[in-house]
C-alpha atoms as a PDB file:
ATOM      1  CA  MET A   1     -13.765 -18.058  30.475  1.00  0.00           C
ATOM      2  CA  ASN A   2     -12.609 -17.321  26.910  1.00  0.00           C
ATOM      3  CA  LYS A   3     -14.978 -19.089  24.521  1.00  0.00           C
ATOM      4  CA  GLU A   4     -13.490 -19.901  21.080  1.00  0.00           C
ATOM      5  CA  LYS A   5     -15.542 -18.356  18.258  1.00  0.00           C
ATOM      6  CA  LYS A   6     -16.887 -20.523  15.443  1.00  0.00           C
ATOM      7  CA  ILE A   7     -15.083 -20.273  12.088  1.00  0.00           C
ATOM      8  CA  VAL A   8     -17.408 -19.552   9.157  1.00  0.00           C
ATOM      9  CA  ILE A   9     -16.839 -19.543   5.407  1.00  0.00           C
ATOM     10  CA  PRO A  10     -18.128 -17.180   2.695  1.00  0.00           C
ATOM     11  CA  GLY A  11     -21.788 -17.826   1.898  1.00  0.00           C
ATOM     12  CA  GLU A  12     -22.447 -19.764   5.105  1.00  0.00           C
ATOM     13  CA  GLU A  13     -25.779 -18.930   6.756  1.00  0.00           C
ATOM     14  CA  ILE A  14     -25.059 -17.652  10.259  1.00  0.00           C
ATOM     15  CA  ALA A  15     -28.358 -16.200  11.540  1.00  0.00           C
ATOM     16  CA  THR A  16     -31.765 -14.891  10.539  1.00  0.00           C
ATOM     17  CA  THR A  17     -32.918 -11.289  10.303  1.00  0.00           C
ATOM     18  CA  GLU A  18     -35.522 -12.067  12.983  1.00  0.00           C
ATOM     19  CA  GLU A  19     -32.682 -12.723  15.466  1.00  0.00           C
ATOM     20  CA  PHE A  20     -29.934 -10.291  14.451  1.00  0.00           C
ATOM     21  CA  LEU A  21     -29.018  -7.368  12.221  1.00  0.00           C
ATOM     22  CA  ALA A  22     -26.422  -7.956   9.509  1.00  0.00           C
ATOM     23  CA  GLY A  23     -23.155  -6.378  10.679  1.00  0.00           C
ATOM     24  CA  GLU A  24     -19.614  -6.068   9.374  1.00  0.00           C
ATOM     25  CA  GLY A  25     -18.447  -9.063   7.349  1.00  0.00           C
ATOM     26  CA  THR A  26     -21.994 -10.240   6.601  1.00  0.00           C
ATOM     27  CA  TYR A  27     -24.804  -9.696   4.130  1.00  0.00           C
ATOM     28  CA  GLU A  28     -28.555 -10.202   4.231  1.00  0.00           C
ATOM     29  CA  GLN A  29     -30.572 -12.148   1.688  1.00  0.00           C
ATOM     30  CA  LYS A  30     -34.217 -13.314   1.883  1.00  0.00           C
ATOM     31  CA  GLY A  31     -34.419 -13.108   5.666  1.00  0.00           C
ATOM     32  CA  SER A  32     -31.095 -14.835   6.341  1.00  0.00           C
ATOM     33  CA  ILE A  33     -27.666 -13.444   7.233  1.00  0.00           C
ATOM     34  CA  PHE A  34     -24.621 -14.922   5.518  1.00  0.00           C
ATOM     35  CA  SER A  35     -20.875 -14.629   6.039  1.00  0.00           C
ATOM     36  CA  SER A  36     -19.050 -12.471   3.481  1.00  0.00           C
ATOM     37  CA  TYR A  37     -15.673 -14.104   4.068  1.00  0.00           C
ATOM     38  CA  LEU A  38     -13.642 -16.604   6.060  1.00  0.00           C
ATOM     39  CA  GLY A  39     -13.606 -15.518   9.680  1.00  0.00           C
ATOM     40  CA  ARG A  40     -14.727 -15.866  13.273  1.00  0.00           C
ATOM     41  CA  LEU A  41     -18.447 -15.543  13.967  1.00  0.00           C
ATOM     42  CA  ASN A  42     -19.450 -12.940  16.542  1.00  0.00           C
ATOM     43  CA  LEU A  43     -23.137 -12.949  17.476  1.00  0.00           C
ATOM     44  CA  ASP A  44     -23.418  -9.855  19.680  1.00  0.00           C
ATOM     45  CA  ALA A  45     -26.448 -10.597  21.916  1.00  0.00           C
ATOM     46  CA  GLU A  46     -26.258  -7.131  23.534  1.00  0.00           C
ATOM     47  CA  GLU A  47     -26.398  -5.138  20.277  1.00  0.00           C
ATOM     48  CA  MET A  48     -28.239  -7.921  18.393  1.00  0.00           C
ATOM     49  CA  VAL A  49     -25.759  -7.766  15.491  1.00  0.00           C
ATOM     50  CA  ALA A  50     -24.162 -10.680  13.612  1.00  0.00           C
ATOM     51  CA  LYS A  51     -20.566  -9.982  12.576  1.00  0.00           C
ATOM     52  CA  VAL A  52     -17.714 -11.939  11.014  1.00  0.00           C
ATOM     53  CA  GLU A  53     -14.188 -10.959  12.050  1.00  0.00           C
ATOM     54  CA  PRO A  54     -11.774 -11.853   9.226  1.00  0.00           C
ATOM     55  CA  ILE A  55      -8.992 -14.309   9.975  1.00  0.00           C
ATOM     56  CA  ASN A  56      -6.709 -12.717   7.390  1.00  0.00           C
ATOM     57  CA  PRO A  57      -8.111  -9.196   6.876  1.00  0.00           C
ATOM     58  CA  LEU A  58      -7.645  -7.107   3.750  1.00  0.00           C
ATOM     59  CA  VAL A  59      -4.919  -4.495   3.894  1.00  0.00           C
ATOM     60  CA  ARG A  60      -6.274  -0.956   3.834  1.00  0.00           C
ATOM     61  CA  LEU A  61      -4.003   2.054   3.633  1.00  0.00           C
ATOM     62  CA  ASN A  62      -3.818   4.359   6.644  1.00  0.00           C
ATOM     63  CA  VAL A  63      -2.066   7.668   7.273  1.00  0.00           C
ATOM     64  CA  GLY A  64       1.441   6.883   8.527  1.00  0.00           C
ATOM     65  CA  ASP A  65       1.821   3.567   6.667  1.00  0.00           C
ATOM     66  CA  MET A  66       5.174   2.983   4.999  1.00  0.00           C
ATOM     67  CA  VAL A  67       4.483   1.605   1.527  1.00  0.00           C
ATOM     68  CA  LEU A  68       6.327   0.234  -1.476  1.00  0.00           C
ATOM     69  CA  ALA A  69       5.175   1.676  -4.783  1.00  0.00           C
ATOM     70  CA  ARG A  70       6.068   1.723  -8.479  1.00  0.00           C
ATOM     71  CA  VAL A  71       6.385   5.102 -10.193  1.00  0.00           C
ATOM     72  CA  GLY A  72       3.950   5.228 -13.105  1.00  0.00           C
ATOM     73  CA  ASP A  73       4.299   8.830 -14.234  1.00  0.00           C
ATOM     74  CA  VAL A  74       6.464  11.870 -13.562  1.00  0.00           C
ATOM     75  CA  LYS A  75       5.044  15.352 -14.102  1.00  0.00           C
ATOM     76  CA  SER A  76       6.614  18.788 -13.587  1.00  0.00           C
ATOM     77  CA  SER A  77       5.150  19.178 -10.082  1.00  0.00           C
ATOM     78  CA  MET A  78       4.307  15.633  -8.960  1.00  0.00           C
ATOM     79  CA  VAL A  79       4.960  11.919  -9.203  1.00  0.00           C
ATOM     80  CA  ILE A  80       2.186   9.341  -9.667  1.00  0.00           C
ATOM     81  CA  ALA A  81       2.902   5.977  -8.032  1.00  0.00           C
ATOM     82  CA  ASP A  82       0.936   2.752  -7.626  1.00  0.00           C
ATOM     83  CA  VAL A  83       1.186   1.268  -4.119  1.00  0.00           C
ATOM     84  CA  VAL A  84       2.234  -2.379  -4.333  1.00  0.00           C
ATOM     85  CA  ARG A  85       2.087  -3.208  -0.625  1.00  0.00           C
ATOM     86  CA  VAL A  86       2.387  -1.918   2.898  1.00  0.00           C
ATOM     87  CA  GLU A  87       5.891  -2.534   4.217  1.00  0.00           C
ATOM     88  CA  GLY A  88       5.979  -5.563   6.497  1.00  0.00           C
ATOM     89  CA  ASN A  89       2.798  -7.035   5.002  1.00  0.00           C
ATOM     90  CA  THR A  90       2.759  -9.519   2.124  1.00  0.00           C
ATOM     91  CA  ARG A  91      -0.949  -9.179   1.319  1.00  0.00           C
ATOM     92  CA  ALA A  92      -2.136  -7.035  -1.563  1.00  0.00           C
ATOM     93  CA  VAL A  93      -3.617  -3.649  -0.755  1.00  0.00           C
ATOM     94  CA  SER A  94      -7.368  -3.192  -1.211  1.00  0.00           C
ATOM     95  CA  GLY A  95      -9.018   0.049  -2.223  1.00  0.00           C
ATOM     96  CA  GLU A  96      -7.355   3.005  -3.929  1.00  0.00           C
ATOM     97  CA  THR A  97      -3.656   2.318  -4.639  1.00  0.00           C
ATOM     98  CA  LEU A  98      -2.801   5.111  -7.092  1.00  0.00           C
ATOM     99  CA  GLY A  99      -1.236   7.974  -5.181  1.00  0.00           C
ATOM    100  CA  SER A 100       0.642  11.168  -5.871  1.00  0.00           C
ATOM    101  CA  ILE A 101       3.712  12.792  -4.376  1.00  0.00           C
ATOM    102  CA  HIS A 102       3.626  16.575  -4.668  1.00  0.00           C
ATOM    103  CA  ILE A 103       6.945  18.273  -5.466  1.00  0.00           C
ATOM    104  CA  SER A 104       6.966  19.782  -1.941  1.00  0.00           C
ATOM    105  CA  LYS A 105       6.852  16.263  -0.412  1.00  0.00           C
ATOM    106  CA  ILE A 106       9.631  14.693  -2.545  1.00  0.00           C
ATOM    107  CA  SER A 107      12.720  15.555  -0.495  1.00  0.00           C
ATOM    108  CA  GLU A 108      13.726  17.310   2.711  1.00  0.00           C
ATOM    109  CA  GLY A 109      15.229  20.209   0.791  1.00  0.00           C
ATOM    110  CA  TYR A 110      14.085  22.176  -2.225  1.00  0.00           C
ATOM    111  CA  THR A 111      13.235  20.107  -5.313  1.00  0.00           C
ATOM    112  CA  ALA A 112      13.803  22.002  -8.564  1.00  0.00           C
ATOM    113  CA  ASP A 113      13.434  19.114 -11.034  1.00  0.00           C
ATOM    114  CA  VAL A 114      11.185  16.136 -10.320  1.00  0.00           C
ATOM    115  CA  TRP A 115      12.927  14.149 -13.106  1.00  0.00           C
ATOM    116  CA  LYS A 116      16.205  14.199 -11.093  1.00  0.00           C
ATOM    117  CA  GLU A 117      14.420  12.529  -8.167  1.00  0.00           C
ATOM    118  CA  PHE A 118      12.264   9.812  -9.791  1.00  0.00           C
ATOM    119  CA  ARG A 119      11.771   8.063 -13.135  1.00  0.00           C
ATOM    120  CA  ILE A 120       8.997   5.865 -14.467  1.00  0.00           C
ATOM    121  CA  GLY A 121       9.401   2.278 -13.227  1.00  0.00           C
ATOM    122  CA  ASP A 122      11.349   3.145 -10.053  1.00  0.00           C
ATOM    123  CA  ILE A 123      10.405   1.140  -6.982  1.00  0.00           C
ATOM    124  CA  ILE A 124      10.121   3.495  -4.027  1.00  0.00           C
ATOM    125  CA  ARG A 125       9.430   3.517  -0.301  1.00  0.00           C
ATOM    126  CA  ALA A 126       6.992   6.285   0.663  1.00  0.00           C
ATOM    127  CA  LYS A 127       4.854   7.338   3.589  1.00  0.00           C
ATOM    128  CA  VAL A 128       1.062   7.708   3.344  1.00  0.00           C
ATOM    129  CA  VAL A 129       0.190  11.284   4.363  1.00  0.00           C
ATOM    130  CA  GLN A 130      -3.460  11.319   3.212  1.00  0.00           C
ATOM    131  CA  VAL A 131      -5.948   8.601   2.229  1.00  0.00           C
ATOM    132  CA  LYS A 132      -9.138  10.528   1.433  1.00  0.00           C
ATOM    133  CA  PRO A 133     -10.301  12.168  -0.774  1.00  0.00           C
ATOM    134  CA  SER A 134      -7.178  11.140  -2.716  1.00  0.00           C
ATOM    135  CA  LEU A 135      -4.124   9.068  -1.818  1.00  0.00           C
ATOM    136  CA  GLN A 136      -1.143  11.333  -1.079  1.00  0.00           C
ATOM    137  CA  LEU A 137       2.377  10.047  -0.417  1.00  0.00           C
ATOM    138  CA  SER A 138       5.667  11.621   0.664  1.00  0.00           C
ATOM    139  CA  THR A 139       9.348  10.725   0.362  1.00  0.00           C
ATOM    140  CA  ASP A 140      10.719  13.686   2.319  1.00  0.00           C
ATOM    141  CA  ARG A 141      12.286  11.644   5.135  1.00  0.00           C
ATOM    142  CA  PRO A 142      15.823  10.176   5.230  1.00  0.00           C
ATOM    143  CA  ASN A 143      14.699   6.507   5.052  1.00  0.00           C
ATOM    144  CA  LEU A 144      12.390   7.060   2.064  1.00  0.00           C
ATOM    145  CA  GLY A 145      13.027   7.206  -1.675  1.00  0.00           C
ATOM    146  CA  VAL A 146      14.112   4.945  -4.530  1.00  0.00           C
ATOM    147  CA  LEU A 147      14.869   1.320  -3.648  1.00  0.00           C
ATOM    148  CA  LEU A 148      15.354  -0.011  -7.170  1.00  0.00           C
ATOM    149  CA  ALA A 149      15.883   1.819 -10.473  1.00  0.00           C
ATOM    150  CA  LEU A 150      16.630   0.890 -14.061  1.00  0.00           C
ATOM    151  CA  CYS A 151      18.855   2.775 -16.472  1.00  0.00           C
ATOM    152  CA  THR A 152      16.784   5.151 -18.589  1.00  0.00           C
ATOM    153  CA  ARG A 153      18.828   4.202 -21.664  1.00  0.00           C
ATOM    154  CA  CYS A 154      19.297   0.391 -21.544  1.00  0.00           C
ATOM    155  CA  ARG A 155      16.860  -0.584 -18.704  1.00  0.00           C
ATOM    156  CA  MET A 156      19.539  -2.546 -16.787  1.00  0.00           C
ATOM    157  CA  PRO A 157      19.453  -2.259 -12.952  1.00  0.00           C
ATOM    158  CA  LEU A 158      21.414   0.688 -11.592  1.00  0.00           C
ATOM    159  CA  GLU A 159      23.990   0.256  -8.835  1.00  0.00           C
ATOM    160  CA  LYS A 160      24.478   2.729  -5.997  1.00  0.00           C
ATOM    161  CA  LYS A 161      27.839   4.564  -6.177  1.00  0.00           C
ATOM    162  CA  ASP A 162      28.174   7.215  -3.478  1.00  0.00           C
ATOM    163  CA  LYS A 163      25.234   9.608  -3.976  1.00  0.00           C
ATOM    164  CA  THR A 164      24.361   8.602  -7.545  1.00  0.00           C
ATOM    165  CA  LEU A 165      23.248   5.512  -9.427  1.00  0.00           C
ATOM    166  CA  PHE A 166      25.533   3.958 -12.030  1.00  0.00           C
ATOM    167  CA  CYS A 167      24.822   1.750 -15.052  1.00  0.00           C
ATOM    168  CA  GLU A 168      27.647  -0.742 -15.627  1.00  0.00           C
ATOM    169  CA  ASN A 169      26.321  -1.473 -19.116  1.00  0.00           C
ATOM    170  CA  CYS A 170      26.172   2.161 -20.381  1.00  0.00           C
ATOM    171  CA  GLN A 171      28.919   3.480 -18.114  1.00  0.00           C
ATOM    172  CA  ARG A 172      26.767   6.451 -17.101  1.00  0.00           C
ATOM    173  CA  SER A 173      25.403   7.930 -13.869  1.00  0.00           C
ATOM    174  CA  GLU A 174      21.863   8.994 -13.042  1.00  0.00           C
ATOM    175  CA  LEU A 175      20.450  11.007 -10.163  1.00  0.00           C
ATOM    176  CA  ARG A 176      17.582   9.834  -7.954  1.00  0.00           C
ATOM    177  CA  ASN A 177      16.142  10.423  -4.485  1.00  0.00           C
ATOM    178  CA  ILE A 178      17.936   7.311  -3.191  1.00  0.00           C
ATOM    179  CA  ALA A 179      16.819   5.474  -0.041  1.00  0.00           C
ATOM    180  CA  PRO A 180      19.715   4.467   2.269  1.00  0.00           C
ATOM    181  CA  ASP A 181      18.955   0.777   1.703  1.00  0.00           C
ATOM    182  CA  TYR A 182      18.840   1.074  -2.094  1.00  0.00           C
ATOM    183  CA  GLY A 183      19.235  -2.296  -3.852  1.00  0.00           C
ATOM    184  CA  ARG A 184      17.773  -4.372  -1.028  1.00  0.00           C
ATOM    185  CA  TYR A 185      14.259  -4.430  -2.464  1.00  0.00           C
ATOM    186  CA  GLY A 186      12.878  -7.987  -2.759  1.00  0.00           C
ATOM    187  CA  HIS A 187      10.320  -8.694  -5.485  1.00  0.00           C
END
């Protein structure tokens, strides 16, 4: 028999410290255990722990996640990007979102000039290769790279033309590490 778990809200008293220990998704205050967020109550009688399983959990970055990020800075040997979201998930990311892409993880081949691959403001798809102690990303796979870029001169959106990006307004081309589905990024 599958018993449906009770839904609790943040701040709701769910047990006492005489009965249970405060577990994940709970906090203890003056001998009572309260829910930290909206979720399903799990009173584990075997372990004697009160837990709340979130209905809509926070998104935490994991190694292997494909993420969308905005380039915030370009240095001689790395790119700094702020992760906007995990691909396929509309919820905001919790925890550390500022990551770096080392020059060796930018493209499949040799990268001589980071500025030819990324510019500040580019929206990119990257893969999480490390979460702790610092967030590390890579774009060295065929499906990764720039999804949306603006002209460095006039800031108009660039259009993909063969293997470069072209500004209709300035009539000039720019290089980037372009993802195959460039231009299909939805805000």
